[in-house]
């Protein structure tokens, strides 16, 4: 994770290859701009703060979709829309933008490569060359804020996570959270992607491909989006198939597998050589507190107790 501090916006623009922008300060005083950059695989998280009002106009990278969530309501106007806490601003690849921060402001963003979106849905998405806000998304925006706070906290406490499989799971969770905002544009000839998938994929084939993929990667963490890509359907279709055959969604199915793999790994590890963090991140865990609670529900003990039970 990279932390930076700037005293003028030109320094910030020069350090950020994802935008081409021009800034005009609108308030006086000593300018201060802080940011935290956290790469998550091919994606990128940014958390930023400015103590100075400004107007910015320019364009984003043609290779990325960028999702913006304000941390303070009413301080940021994006392309004519005042950003509220229940809105998420979307920058399409190469889109032009005009932003006005009235005074102090802070926000979080998540940048996703264009090819990642296309790979996930298996369709060429029609991009729109502008920035827009999706309103009435309070639950989604709050979840994103929590995810980013947890991600930055986890990396700060455990720097080795940045090179572990857990970072890829973190990326997949964030993409799965925000990418549905783009789905209204996905499809062919005006038909929803779901209808296209169901017209030529049988449920049995989808399930077979998913299970084969899980068996193939028996010693590696898997995300629900991986199964969707491997079976050639959307996560929504995959969820419907798993619910029909197993009575649970793919996320619950994968969580049960993840719990089992972690449990086996902990029992086989030497506490003098391995830590709980080592084992959890190896199996793609990055929300340590939540996972430990689930682990205790399944096995009646915490992961640390399982690891040290070999000594007993």
C-alpha atoms as a PDB file:
ATOM      1  CA  UNK A   1       0.000   0.000   0.000  1.00  0.00           C
ATOM      2  CA  UNK A   2       1.301   3.438  -0.936  1.00  0.00           C
ATOM      3  CA  UNK A   3       0.569   6.545   1.139  1.00  0.00           C
ATOM      4  CA  UNK A   4       1.300   9.965  -0.344  1.00  0.00           C
ATOM      5  CA  UNK A   5       0.844  13.621   0.551  1.00  0.00           C
ATOM      6  CA  UNK A   6       0.861  16.542  -1.886  1.00  0.00           C
ATOM      7  CA  UNK A   7       0.844  20.319  -1.478  1.00  0.00           C
ATOM      8  CA  UNK A   8      -0.407  21.019  -5.000  1.00  0.00           C
ATOM      9  CA  UNK A   9      -2.643  19.234  -7.454  1.00  0.00           C
ATOM     10  CA  UNK A  10      -0.070  19.108 -10.253  1.00  0.00           C
ATOM     11  CA  UNK A  11       1.973  16.702  -8.118  1.00  0.00           C
ATOM     12  CA  UNK A  12      -1.096  14.538  -7.635  1.00  0.00           C
ATOM     13  CA  UNK A  13      -1.912  14.418 -11.368  1.00  0.00           C
ATOM     14  CA  UNK A  14       1.688  13.542 -12.238  1.00  0.00           C
ATOM     15  CA  UNK A  15       1.589  10.633  -9.776  1.00  0.00           C
ATOM     16  CA  UNK A  16      -1.752   9.313 -11.067  1.00  0.00           C
ATOM     17  CA  UNK A  17      -1.554   7.689 -14.499  1.00  0.00           C
ATOM     18  CA  UNK A  18      -5.304   6.945 -14.544  1.00  0.00           C
ATOM     19  CA  UNK A  19      -6.472  10.524 -15.147  1.00  0.00           C
ATOM     20  CA  UNK A  20      -5.615  13.499 -17.317  1.00  0.00           C
ATOM     21  CA  UNK A  21      -7.009  16.486 -15.438  1.00  0.00           C
ATOM     22  CA  UNK A  22      -6.655  20.186 -14.712  1.00  0.00           C
ATOM     23  CA  UNK A  23      -7.351  21.643 -11.239  1.00  0.00           C
ATOM     24  CA  UNK A  24      -8.342  25.141 -10.141  1.00  0.00           C
ATOM     25  CA  UNK A  25      -8.271  25.839  -6.360  1.00  0.00           C
ATOM     26  CA  UNK A  26     -11.379  27.698  -5.145  1.00  0.00           C
ATOM     27  CA  UNK A  27     -10.415  28.324  -1.506  1.00  0.00           C
ATOM     28  CA  UNK A  28      -7.301  29.831   0.047  1.00  0.00           C
ATOM     29  CA  UNK A  29      -4.847  28.522   2.605  1.00  0.00           C
ATOM     30  CA  UNK A  30      -2.175  25.860   2.549  1.00  0.00           C
ATOM     31  CA  UNK A  31      -3.197  23.141   0.128  1.00  0.00           C
ATOM     32  CA  UNK A  32      -2.997  19.561   1.381  1.00  0.00           C
ATOM     33  CA  UNK A  33      -3.956  16.438  -0.521  1.00  0.00           C
ATOM     34  CA  UNK A  34      -3.560  12.955   0.966  1.00  0.00           C
ATOM     35  CA  UNK A  35      -4.177   9.591  -0.662  1.00  0.00           C
ATOM     36  CA  UNK A  36      -3.780   5.894   0.045  1.00  0.00           C
ATOM     37  CA  UNK A  37      -3.356   3.574  -2.940  1.00  0.00           C
ATOM     38  CA  UNK A  38      -3.926  -0.152  -2.564  1.00  0.00           C
ATOM     39  CA  UNK A  39      -3.464  -2.384  -5.648  1.00  0.00           C
ATOM     40  CA  UNK A  40      -5.705  -5.467  -5.505  1.00  0.00           C
ATOM     41  CA  UNK A  41      -4.523  -7.705  -8.306  1.00  0.00           C
ATOM     42  CA  UNK A  42      -5.341  -5.836 -11.527  1.00  0.00           C
ATOM     43  CA  UNK A  43      -7.693  -3.394  -9.796  1.00  0.00           C
ATOM     44  CA  UNK A  44      -6.959  -0.427  -7.580  1.00  0.00           C
ATOM     45  CA  UNK A  45      -8.423   1.131  -4.419  1.00  0.00           C
ATOM     46  CA  UNK A  46      -7.848   4.798  -3.626  1.00  0.00           C
ATOM     47  CA  UNK A  47      -8.895   6.687  -0.498  1.00  0.00           C
ATOM     48  CA  UNK A  48      -8.307  10.439  -0.769  1.00  0.00           C
ATOM     49  CA  UNK A  49      -8.736  13.620   1.276  1.00  0.00           C
ATOM     50  CA  UNK A  50      -8.342  17.311   0.440  1.00  0.00           C
ATOM     51  CA  UNK A  51      -8.549  20.326   2.758  1.00  0.00           C
ATOM     52  CA  UNK A  52      -9.046  22.703  -0.178  1.00  0.00           C
ATOM     53  CA  UNK A  53     -11.996  23.335  -2.448  1.00  0.00           C
ATOM     54  CA  UNK A  54     -11.285  22.944  -6.163  1.00  0.00           C
ATOM     55  CA  UNK A  55     -12.731  22.484  -9.622  1.00  0.00           C
ATOM     56  CA  UNK A  56     -11.311  19.688 -11.781  1.00  0.00           C
ATOM     57  CA  UNK A  57     -12.032  18.769 -15.364  1.00  0.00           C
ATOM     58  CA  UNK A  58     -10.461  16.204 -17.637  1.00  0.00           C
ATOM     59  CA  UNK A  59     -10.863  12.580 -18.659  1.00  0.00           C
ATOM     60  CA  UNK A  60     -10.228   9.168 -17.158  1.00  0.00           C
ATOM     61  CA  UNK A  61      -8.194   6.290 -18.528  1.00  0.00           C
ATOM     62  CA  UNK A  62      -9.698   4.524 -21.544  1.00  0.00           C
ATOM     63  CA  UNK A  63      -8.704   1.183 -19.971  1.00  0.00           C
ATOM     64  CA  UNK A  64     -10.617   1.428 -16.661  1.00  0.00           C
ATOM     65  CA  UNK A  65     -14.085   1.699 -15.172  1.00  0.00           C
ATOM     66  CA  UNK A  66     -13.896   3.807 -12.009  1.00  0.00           C
ATOM     67  CA  UNK A  67     -16.451   3.815  -9.180  1.00  0.00           C
ATOM     68  CA  UNK A  68     -16.467   6.807  -6.785  1.00  0.00           C
ATOM     69  CA  UNK A  69     -18.142   6.873  -3.365  1.00  0.00           C
ATOM     70  CA  UNK A  70     -18.045  10.080  -1.257  1.00  0.00           C
ATOM     71  CA  UNK A  71     -17.206   9.870   2.429  1.00  0.00           C
ATOM     72  CA  UNK A  72     -18.907  13.194   3.131  1.00  0.00           C
ATOM     73  CA  UNK A  73     -22.293  14.107   1.688  1.00  0.00           C
ATOM     74  CA  UNK A  74     -22.863  17.366  -0.165  1.00  0.00           C
ATOM     75  CA  UNK A  75     -19.232  18.434  -0.601  1.00  0.00           C
ATOM     76  CA  UNK A  76     -18.766  17.023  -4.099  1.00  0.00           C
ATOM     77  CA  UNK A  77     -20.635  17.888  -7.298  1.00  0.00           C
ATOM     78  CA  UNK A  78     -19.917  15.453 -10.133  1.00  0.00           C
ATOM     79  CA  UNK A  79     -20.931  16.434 -13.671  1.00  0.00           C
ATOM     80  CA  UNK A  80     -23.827  18.519 -12.339  1.00  0.00           C
ATOM     81  CA  UNK A  81     -24.985  15.999  -9.695  1.00  0.00           C
ATOM     82  CA  UNK A  82     -24.476  16.681  -5.992  1.00  0.00           C
ATOM     83  CA  UNK A  83     -23.094  13.474  -4.535  1.00  0.00           C
ATOM     84  CA  UNK A  84     -25.014  12.110  -1.560  1.00  0.00           C
ATOM     85  CA  UNK A  85     -24.077   9.214   0.708  1.00  0.00           C
ATOM     86  CA  UNK A  86     -26.490   6.919  -1.145  1.00  0.00           C
ATOM     87  CA  UNK A  87     -25.025   7.605  -4.615  1.00  0.00           C
ATOM     88  CA  UNK A  88     -22.180   5.971  -6.515  1.00  0.00           C
ATOM     89  CA  UNK A  89     -20.505   7.852  -9.351  1.00  0.00           C
ATOM     90  CA  UNK A  90     -19.338   5.806 -12.345  1.00  0.00           C
ATOM     91  CA  UNK A  91     -16.628   6.891 -14.759  1.00  0.00           C
ATOM     92  CA  UNK A  92     -16.869   4.946 -18.003  1.00  0.00           C
ATOM     93  CA  UNK A  93     -13.539   4.218 -19.784  1.00  0.00           C
ATOM     94  CA  UNK A  94     -12.191   7.423 -21.309  1.00  0.00           C
ATOM     95  CA  UNK A  95     -15.140   9.476 -20.024  1.00  0.00           C
ATOM     96  CA  UNK A  96     -14.790  13.215 -19.553  1.00  0.00           C
ATOM     97  CA  UNK A  97     -15.679  14.668 -16.176  1.00  0.00           C
ATOM     98  CA  UNK A  98     -16.127  17.926 -14.312  1.00  0.00           C
ATOM     99  CA  UNK A  99     -15.944  17.853 -10.503  1.00  0.00           C
ATOM    100  CA  UNK A 100     -16.424  20.606  -7.930  1.00  0.00           C
ATOM    101  CA  UNK A 101     -15.367  20.069  -4.318  1.00  0.00           C
ATOM    102  CA  UNK A 102     -16.855  22.926  -2.298  1.00  0.00           C
ATOM    103  CA  UNK A 103     -14.504  22.850   0.684  1.00  0.00           C
ATOM    104  CA  UNK A 104     -12.947  19.892   2.444  1.00  0.00           C
ATOM    105  CA  UNK A 105     -13.702  16.604   0.775  1.00  0.00           C
ATOM    106  CA  UNK A 106     -12.911  12.915   0.939  1.00  0.00           C
ATOM    107  CA  UNK A 107     -13.830   9.961  -1.214  1.00  0.00           C
ATOM    108  CA  UNK A 108     -13.000   6.378  -2.095  1.00  0.00           C
ATOM    109  CA  UNK A 109     -12.690   4.921  -5.552  1.00  0.00           C
ATOM    110  CA  UNK A 110     -12.293   1.497  -7.093  1.00  0.00           C
ATOM    111  CA  UNK A 111     -10.783   1.174 -10.584  1.00  0.00           C
ATOM    112  CA  UNK A 112     -11.497  -1.974 -12.618  1.00  0.00           C
ATOM    113  CA  UNK A 113      -9.771  -2.763 -15.952  1.00  0.00           C
ATOM    114  CA  UNK A 114     -12.129  -2.807 -18.921  1.00  0.00           C
ATOM    115  CA  UNK A 115     -11.009  -6.308 -19.940  1.00  0.00           C
ATOM    116  CA  UNK A 116     -11.918  -7.604 -16.451  1.00  0.00           C
ATOM    117  CA  UNK A 117     -15.539  -6.523 -16.957  1.00  0.00           C
ATOM    118  CA  UNK A 118     -15.648  -8.074 -20.418  1.00  0.00           C
ATOM    119  CA  UNK A 119     -14.092 -11.323 -19.190  1.00  0.00           C
ATOM    120  CA  UNK A 120     -16.522 -11.553 -16.289  1.00  0.00           C
ATOM    121  CA  UNK A 121     -19.631 -11.260 -18.455  1.00  0.00           C
ATOM    122  CA  UNK A 122     -18.315 -12.788 -21.655  1.00  0.00           C
ATOM    123  CA  UNK A 123     -19.815  -9.947 -23.670  1.00  0.00           C
ATOM    124  CA  UNK A 124     -18.499  -6.808 -25.306  1.00  0.00           C
ATOM    125  CA  UNK A 125     -20.051  -4.037 -23.245  1.00  0.00           C
ATOM    126  CA  UNK A 126     -21.193  -0.846 -24.925  1.00  0.00           C
ATOM    127  CA  UNK A 127     -19.378   1.870 -23.007  1.00  0.00           C
ATOM    128  CA  UNK A 128     -20.843   5.333 -22.537  1.00  0.00           C
ATOM    129  CA  UNK A 129     -18.418   8.206 -22.842  1.00  0.00           C
ATOM    130  CA  UNK A 130     -19.468  10.147 -19.773  1.00  0.00           C
ATOM    131  CA  UNK A 131     -19.587  10.116 -15.989  1.00  0.00           C
ATOM    132  CA  UNK A 132     -22.908   9.535 -14.220  1.00  0.00           C
ATOM    133  CA  UNK A 133     -24.305   8.862 -10.763  1.00  0.00           C
ATOM    134  CA  UNK A 134     -26.386   5.859  -9.706  1.00  0.00           C
ATOM    135  CA  UNK A 135     -28.676   6.998  -6.894  1.00  0.00           C
ATOM    136  CA  UNK A 136     -30.525   5.167  -4.085  1.00  0.00           C
ATOM    137  CA  UNK A 137     -27.582   2.850  -3.469  1.00  0.00           C
ATOM    138  CA  UNK A 138     -27.110   3.495   0.261  1.00  0.00           C
ATOM    139  CA  UNK A 139     -26.687  -0.174   1.213  1.00  0.00           C
ATOM    140  CA  UNK A 140     -24.220  -0.789  -1.621  1.00  0.00           C
ATOM    141  CA  UNK A 141     -22.265   2.396  -0.892  1.00  0.00           C
ATOM    142  CA  UNK A 142     -22.067   1.584   2.829  1.00  0.00           C
ATOM    143  CA  UNK A 143     -20.835  -1.934   2.098  1.00  0.00           C
ATOM    144  CA  UNK A 144     -18.179  -0.529  -0.201  1.00  0.00           C
ATOM    145  CA  UNK A 145     -17.012   1.924   2.487  1.00  0.00           C
ATOM    146  CA  UNK A 146     -16.772  -0.925   4.996  1.00  0.00           C
ATOM    147  CA  UNK A 147     -14.913  -3.159   2.505  1.00  0.00           C
ATOM    148  CA  UNK A 148     -12.340  -0.459   1.756  1.00  0.00           C
ATOM    149  CA  UNK A 149     -11.806   0.324   5.445  1.00  0.00           C
ATOM    150  CA  UNK A 150     -11.347  -3.386   6.204  1.00  0.00           C
ATOM    151  CA  UNK A 151      -9.013  -3.866   3.241  1.00  0.00           C
ATOM    152  CA  UNK A 152      -6.745  -0.959   4.169  1.00  0.00           C
ATOM    153  CA  UNK A 153      -6.733  -1.991   7.835  1.00  0.00           C
ATOM    154  CA  UNK A 154      -5.896  -5.604   6.959  1.00  0.00           C
ATOM    155  CA  UNK A 155      -3.014  -4.619   4.682  1.00  0.00           C
ATOM    156  CA  UNK A 156      -1.667  -2.118   7.217  1.00  0.00           C
ATOM    157  CA  UNK A 157      -1.517  -4.827   9.891  1.00  0.00           C
ATOM    158  CA  UNK A 158      -0.383  -7.637   7.584  1.00  0.00           C
ATOM    159  CA  UNK A 159       1.753  -6.287   4.682  1.00  0.00           C
ATOM    160  CA  UNK A 160       2.438  -9.842   3.434  1.00  0.00           C
ATOM    161  CA  UNK A 161      -1.220 -10.029   2.344  1.00  0.00           C
ATOM    162  CA  UNK A 162      -0.392  -7.941  -0.734  1.00  0.00           C
ATOM    163  CA  UNK A 163       1.340 -10.942  -2.322  1.00  0.00           C
ATOM    164  CA  UNK A 164      -1.072 -13.623  -1.084  1.00  0.00           C
ATOM    165  CA  UNK A 165      -4.158 -15.194  -2.739  1.00  0.00           C
ATOM    166  CA  UNK A 166      -6.271 -13.177  -0.280  1.00  0.00           C
ATOM    167  CA  UNK A 167      -5.682 -10.019  -2.325  1.00  0.00           C
ATOM    168  CA  UNK A 168      -7.263 -11.656  -5.396  1.00  0.00           C
ATOM    169  CA  UNK A 169     -10.304 -12.643  -3.326  1.00  0.00           C
ATOM    170  CA  UNK A 170     -10.545  -9.075  -2.061  1.00  0.00           C
ATOM    171  CA  UNK A 171     -10.498  -7.812  -5.648  1.00  0.00           C
ATOM    172  CA  UNK A 172     -13.157 -10.325  -6.731  1.00  0.00           C
ATOM    173  CA  UNK A 173     -15.426  -9.349  -3.817  1.00  0.00           C
ATOM    174  CA  UNK A 174     -15.234  -5.662  -4.721  1.00  0.00           C
ATOM    175  CA  UNK A 175     -15.822  -6.293  -8.443  1.00  0.00           C
ATOM    176  CA  UNK A 176     -18.831  -8.493  -7.622  1.00  0.00           C
ATOM    177  CA  UNK A 177     -20.173  -5.748  -5.369  1.00  0.00           C
ATOM    178  CA  UNK A 178     -19.967  -2.876  -7.878  1.00  0.00           C
ATOM    179  CA  UNK A 179     -20.021  -4.400 -11.376  1.00  0.00           C
ATOM    180  CA  UNK A 180     -23.811  -5.058 -11.301  1.00  0.00           C
ATOM    181  CA  UNK A 181     -24.255  -1.274 -11.617  1.00  0.00           C
ATOM    182  CA  UNK A 182     -23.112  -1.709 -15.225  1.00  0.00           C
ATOM    183  CA  UNK A 183     -25.324  -4.657 -16.155  1.00  0.00           C
ATOM    184  CA  UNK A 184     -28.083  -2.546 -17.658  1.00  0.00           C
ATOM    185  CA  UNK A 185     -25.788  -2.113 -20.646  1.00  0.00           C
ATOM    186  CA  UNK A 186     -24.930  -5.785 -21.067  1.00  0.00           C
ATOM    187  CA  UNK A 187     -26.740  -7.886 -23.641  1.00  0.00           C
ATOM    188  CA  UNK A 188     -27.274  -8.346 -27.350  1.00  0.00           C
ATOM    189  CA  UNK A 189     -30.071  -6.913 -29.467  1.00  0.00           C
ATOM    190  CA  UNK A 190     -31.769  -5.535 -26.361  1.00  0.00           C
ATOM    191  CA  UNK A 191     -32.141  -8.927 -24.681  1.00  0.00           C
ATOM    192  CA  UNK A 192     -30.908  -9.383 -21.113  1.00  0.00           C
ATOM    193  CA  UNK A 193     -27.743 -11.451 -20.722  1.00  0.00           C
ATOM    194  CA  UNK A 194     -29.679 -13.914 -18.540  1.00  0.00           C
ATOM    195  CA  UNK A 195     -31.983 -14.898 -21.379  1.00  0.00           C
ATOM    196  CA  UNK A 196     -29.064 -15.426 -23.746  1.00  0.00           C
ATOM    197  CA  UNK A 197     -27.276 -17.694 -21.287  1.00  0.00           C
ATOM    198  CA  UNK A 198     -30.321 -19.797 -20.463  1.00  0.00           C
ATOM    199  CA  UNK A 199     -31.172 -20.337 -24.120  1.00  0.00           C
ATOM    200  CA  UNK A 200     -28.075 -22.469 -24.808  1.00  0.00           C
ATOM    201  CA  UNK A 201     -26.751 -23.624 -21.429  1.00  0.00           C
ATOM    202  CA  UNK A 202     -28.462 -26.370 -19.525  1.00  0.00           C
ATOM    203  CA  UNK A 203     -28.390 -26.292 -15.744  1.00  0.00           C
ATOM    204  CA  UNK A 204     -26.674 -29.665 -15.587  1.00  0.00           C
ATOM    205  CA  UNK A 205     -23.858 -28.451 -17.842  1.00  0.00           C
ATOM    206  CA  UNK A 206     -23.356 -25.323 -15.727  1.00  0.00           C
ATOM    207  CA  UNK A 207     -23.149 -27.388 -12.567  1.00  0.00           C
ATOM    208  CA  UNK A 208     -20.788 -29.934 -14.133  1.00  0.00           C
ATOM    209  CA  UNK A 209     -18.382 -27.259 -15.326  1.00  0.00           C
ATOM    210  CA  UNK A 210     -18.420 -25.609 -11.910  1.00  0.00           C
ATOM    211  CA  UNK A 211     -17.638 -28.808 -10.017  1.00  0.00           C
ATOM    212  CA  UNK A 212     -14.905 -29.750 -12.494  1.00  0.00           C
ATOM    213  CA  UNK A 213     -13.318 -26.336 -11.958  1.00  0.00           C
ATOM    214  CA  UNK A 214     -13.417 -26.775  -8.168  1.00  0.00           C
ATOM    215  CA  UNK A 215     -11.789 -30.203  -8.436  1.00  0.00           C
ATOM    216  CA  UNK A 216      -9.139 -28.881 -10.793  1.00  0.00           C
ATOM    217  CA  UNK A 217      -8.176 -26.165  -8.306  1.00  0.00           C
ATOM    218  CA  UNK A 218      -8.426 -28.354  -5.231  1.00  0.00           C
ATOM    219  CA  UNK A 219      -5.447 -26.672  -3.561  1.00  0.00           C
ATOM    220  CA  UNK A 220      -6.269 -23.082  -4.434  1.00  0.00           C
ATOM    221  CA  UNK A 221      -8.922 -20.571  -3.238  1.00  0.00           C
ATOM    222  CA  UNK A 222     -11.883 -19.972  -5.552  1.00  0.00           C
ATOM    223  CA  UNK A 223     -14.347 -17.100  -5.851  1.00  0.00           C
ATOM    224  CA  UNK A 224     -17.944 -17.356  -7.081  1.00  0.00           C
ATOM    225  CA  UNK A 225     -17.050 -15.155 -10.053  1.00  0.00           C
ATOM    226  CA  UNK A 226     -14.376 -17.707 -11.036  1.00  0.00           C
ATOM    227  CA  UNK A 227     -17.077 -20.390 -11.263  1.00  0.00           C
ATOM    228  CA  UNK A 228     -19.302 -18.096 -13.325  1.00  0.00           C
ATOM    229  CA  UNK A 229     -16.498 -17.452 -15.819  1.00  0.00           C
ATOM    230  CA  UNK A 230     -15.499 -21.130 -15.934  1.00  0.00           C
ATOM    231  CA  UNK A 231     -19.092 -22.251 -16.624  1.00  0.00           C
ATOM    232  CA  UNK A 232     -19.818 -19.405 -19.057  1.00  0.00           C
ATOM    233  CA  UNK A 233     -22.786 -17.838 -17.251  1.00  0.00           C
ATOM    234  CA  UNK A 234     -23.459 -14.833 -15.038  1.00  0.00           C
ATOM    235  CA  UNK A 235     -23.235 -15.010 -11.259  1.00  0.00           C
ATOM    236  CA  UNK A 236     -27.006 -14.652 -11.124  1.00  0.00           C
ATOM    237  CA  UNK A 237     -27.548 -17.749 -13.282  1.00  0.00           C
ATOM    238  CA  UNK A 238     -24.924 -19.642 -11.319  1.00  0.00           C
ATOM    239  CA  UNK A 239     -26.677 -18.752  -8.073  1.00  0.00           C
ATOM    240  CA  UNK A 240     -30.000 -20.032  -9.417  1.00  0.00           C
ATOM    241  CA  UNK A 241     -28.447 -23.351 -10.518  1.00  0.00           C
ATOM    242  CA  UNK A 242     -26.721 -23.957  -7.176  1.00  0.00           C
ATOM    243  CA  UNK A 243     -29.893 -23.073  -5.263  1.00  0.00           C
ATOM    244  CA  UNK A 244     -31.869 -25.600  -7.299  1.00  0.00           C
ATOM    245  CA  UNK A 245     -29.371 -28.459  -6.991  1.00  0.00           C
ATOM    246  CA  UNK A 246     -27.848 -27.858  -3.549  1.00  0.00           C
ATOM    247  CA  UNK A 247     -30.274 -25.559  -1.779  1.00  0.00           C
ATOM    248  CA  UNK A 248     -27.510 -22.975  -1.207  1.00  0.00           C
ATOM    249  CA  UNK A 249     -25.816 -20.375  -3.366  1.00  0.00           C
ATOM    250  CA  UNK A 250     -22.284 -20.754  -4.795  1.00  0.00           C
ATOM    251  CA  UNK A 251     -20.851 -18.392  -2.155  1.00  0.00           C
ATOM    252  CA  UNK A 252     -22.122 -20.602   0.670  1.00  0.00           C
ATOM    253  CA  UNK A 253     -20.868 -23.683  -1.166  1.00  0.00           C
ATOM    254  CA  UNK A 254     -17.409 -22.137  -1.591  1.00  0.00           C
ATOM    255  CA  UNK A 255     -17.352 -20.904   2.019  1.00  0.00           C
ATOM    256  CA  UNK A 256     -17.946 -24.453   3.267  1.00  0.00           C
ATOM    257  CA  UNK A 257     -15.061 -25.641   1.087  1.00  0.00           C
ATOM    258  CA  UNK A 258     -12.874 -22.794   2.329  1.00  0.00           C
ATOM    259  CA  UNK A 259     -13.641 -23.603   5.971  1.00  0.00           C
ATOM    260  CA  UNK A 260     -12.756 -27.247   5.412  1.00  0.00           C
ATOM    261  CA  UNK A 261      -9.483 -26.421   3.641  1.00  0.00           C
ATOM    262  CA  UNK A 262      -8.452 -23.945   6.352  1.00  0.00           C
ATOM    263  CA  UNK A 263      -9.306 -26.454   9.057  1.00  0.00           C
ATOM    264  CA  UNK A 264      -7.190 -29.162   7.407  1.00  0.00           C
ATOM    265  CA  UNK A 265      -4.306 -26.750   6.847  1.00  0.00           C
ATOM    266  CA  UNK A 266      -4.364 -25.532  10.446  1.00  0.00           C
ATOM    267  CA  UNK A 267      -4.320 -29.092  11.778  1.00  0.00           C
ATOM    268  CA  UNK A 268      -1.366 -29.987   9.567  1.00  0.00           C
ATOM    269  CA  UNK A 269       0.684 -26.820  10.250  1.00  0.00           C
ATOM    270  CA  UNK A 270       3.382 -26.439  12.858  1.00  0.00           C
ATOM    271  CA  UNK A 271       2.575 -23.426  15.103  1.00  0.00           C
ATOM    272  CA  UNK A 272       6.307 -22.807  15.489  1.00  0.00           C
ATOM    273  CA  UNK A 273       6.600 -22.222  11.722  1.00  0.00           C
ATOM    274  CA  UNK A 274       3.170 -20.942  10.608  1.00  0.00           C
ATOM    275  CA  UNK A 275       0.664 -18.386  11.868  1.00  0.00           C
ATOM    276  CA  UNK A 276      -3.100 -18.253  11.549  1.00  0.00           C
ATOM    277  CA  UNK A 277      -2.693 -15.294   9.183  1.00  0.00           C
ATOM    278  CA  UNK A 278      -0.413 -17.353   6.931  1.00  0.00           C
ATOM    279  CA  UNK A 279      -3.011 -20.096   6.637  1.00  0.00           C
ATOM    280  CA  UNK A 280      -6.038 -17.814   6.195  1.00  0.00           C
ATOM    281  CA  UNK A 281      -4.484 -15.645   3.489  1.00  0.00           C
ATOM    282  CA  UNK A 282      -3.237 -18.783   1.688  1.00  0.00           C
ATOM    283  CA  UNK A 283      -6.892 -19.784   1.320  1.00  0.00           C
ATOM    284  CA  UNK A 284      -8.037 -16.337   0.213  1.00  0.00           C
ATOM    285  CA  UNK A 285      -9.378 -15.010   3.533  1.00  0.00           C
ATOM    286  CA  UNK A 286      -9.081 -11.250   4.030  1.00  0.00           C
ATOM    287  CA  UNK A 287     -12.009 -10.522   6.386  1.00  0.00           C
ATOM    288  CA  UNK A 288     -10.353 -12.178   9.366  1.00  0.00           C
ATOM    289  CA  UNK A 289     -12.888 -11.291  12.080  1.00  0.00           C
ATOM    290  CA  UNK A 290     -15.926 -12.459  10.108  1.00  0.00           C
ATOM    291  CA  UNK A 291     -14.209 -15.646   8.975  1.00  0.00           C
ATOM    292  CA  UNK A 292     -13.083 -16.509  12.521  1.00  0.00           C
ATOM    293  CA  UNK A 293     -16.684 -16.173  13.695  1.00  0.00           C
ATOM    294  CA  UNK A 294     -17.889 -18.534  10.972  1.00  0.00           C
ATOM    295  CA  UNK A 295     -15.066 -20.944  11.723  1.00  0.00           C
ATOM    296  CA  UNK A 296     -16.074 -21.102  15.380  1.00  0.00           C
ATOM    297  CA  UNK A 297     -19.689 -21.765  14.372  1.00  0.00           C
ATOM    298  CA  UNK A 298     -18.548 -24.743  12.284  1.00  0.00           C
ATOM    299  CA  UNK A 299     -15.860 -26.221  14.535  1.00  0.00           C
ATOM    300  CA  UNK A 300     -16.620 -24.845  17.996  1.00  0.00           C
ATOM    301  CA  UNK A 301     -13.153 -23.290  18.386  1.00  0.00           C
ATOM    302  CA  UNK A 302     -11.216 -20.374  16.941  1.00  0.00           C
ATOM    303  CA  UNK A 303      -8.640 -20.937  14.168  1.00  0.00           C
ATOM    304  CA  UNK A 304      -5.809 -20.177  16.613  1.00  0.00           C
ATOM    305  CA  UNK A 305      -7.031 -22.926  18.932  1.00  0.00           C
ATOM    306  CA  UNK A 306      -7.011 -25.449  16.089  1.00  0.00           C
ATOM    307  CA  UNK A 307      -3.475 -24.429  15.088  1.00  0.00           C
ATOM    308  CA  UNK A 308      -2.127 -24.852  18.617  1.00  0.00           C
ATOM    309  CA  UNK A 309      -4.069 -28.034  19.350  1.00  0.00           C
ATOM    310  CA  UNK A 310      -1.150 -30.021  17.873  1.00  0.00           C
ATOM    311  CA  UNK A 311       0.885 -28.972  20.898  1.00  0.00           C
ATOM    312  CA  UNK A 312      -1.789 -30.340  23.211  1.00  0.00           C
END
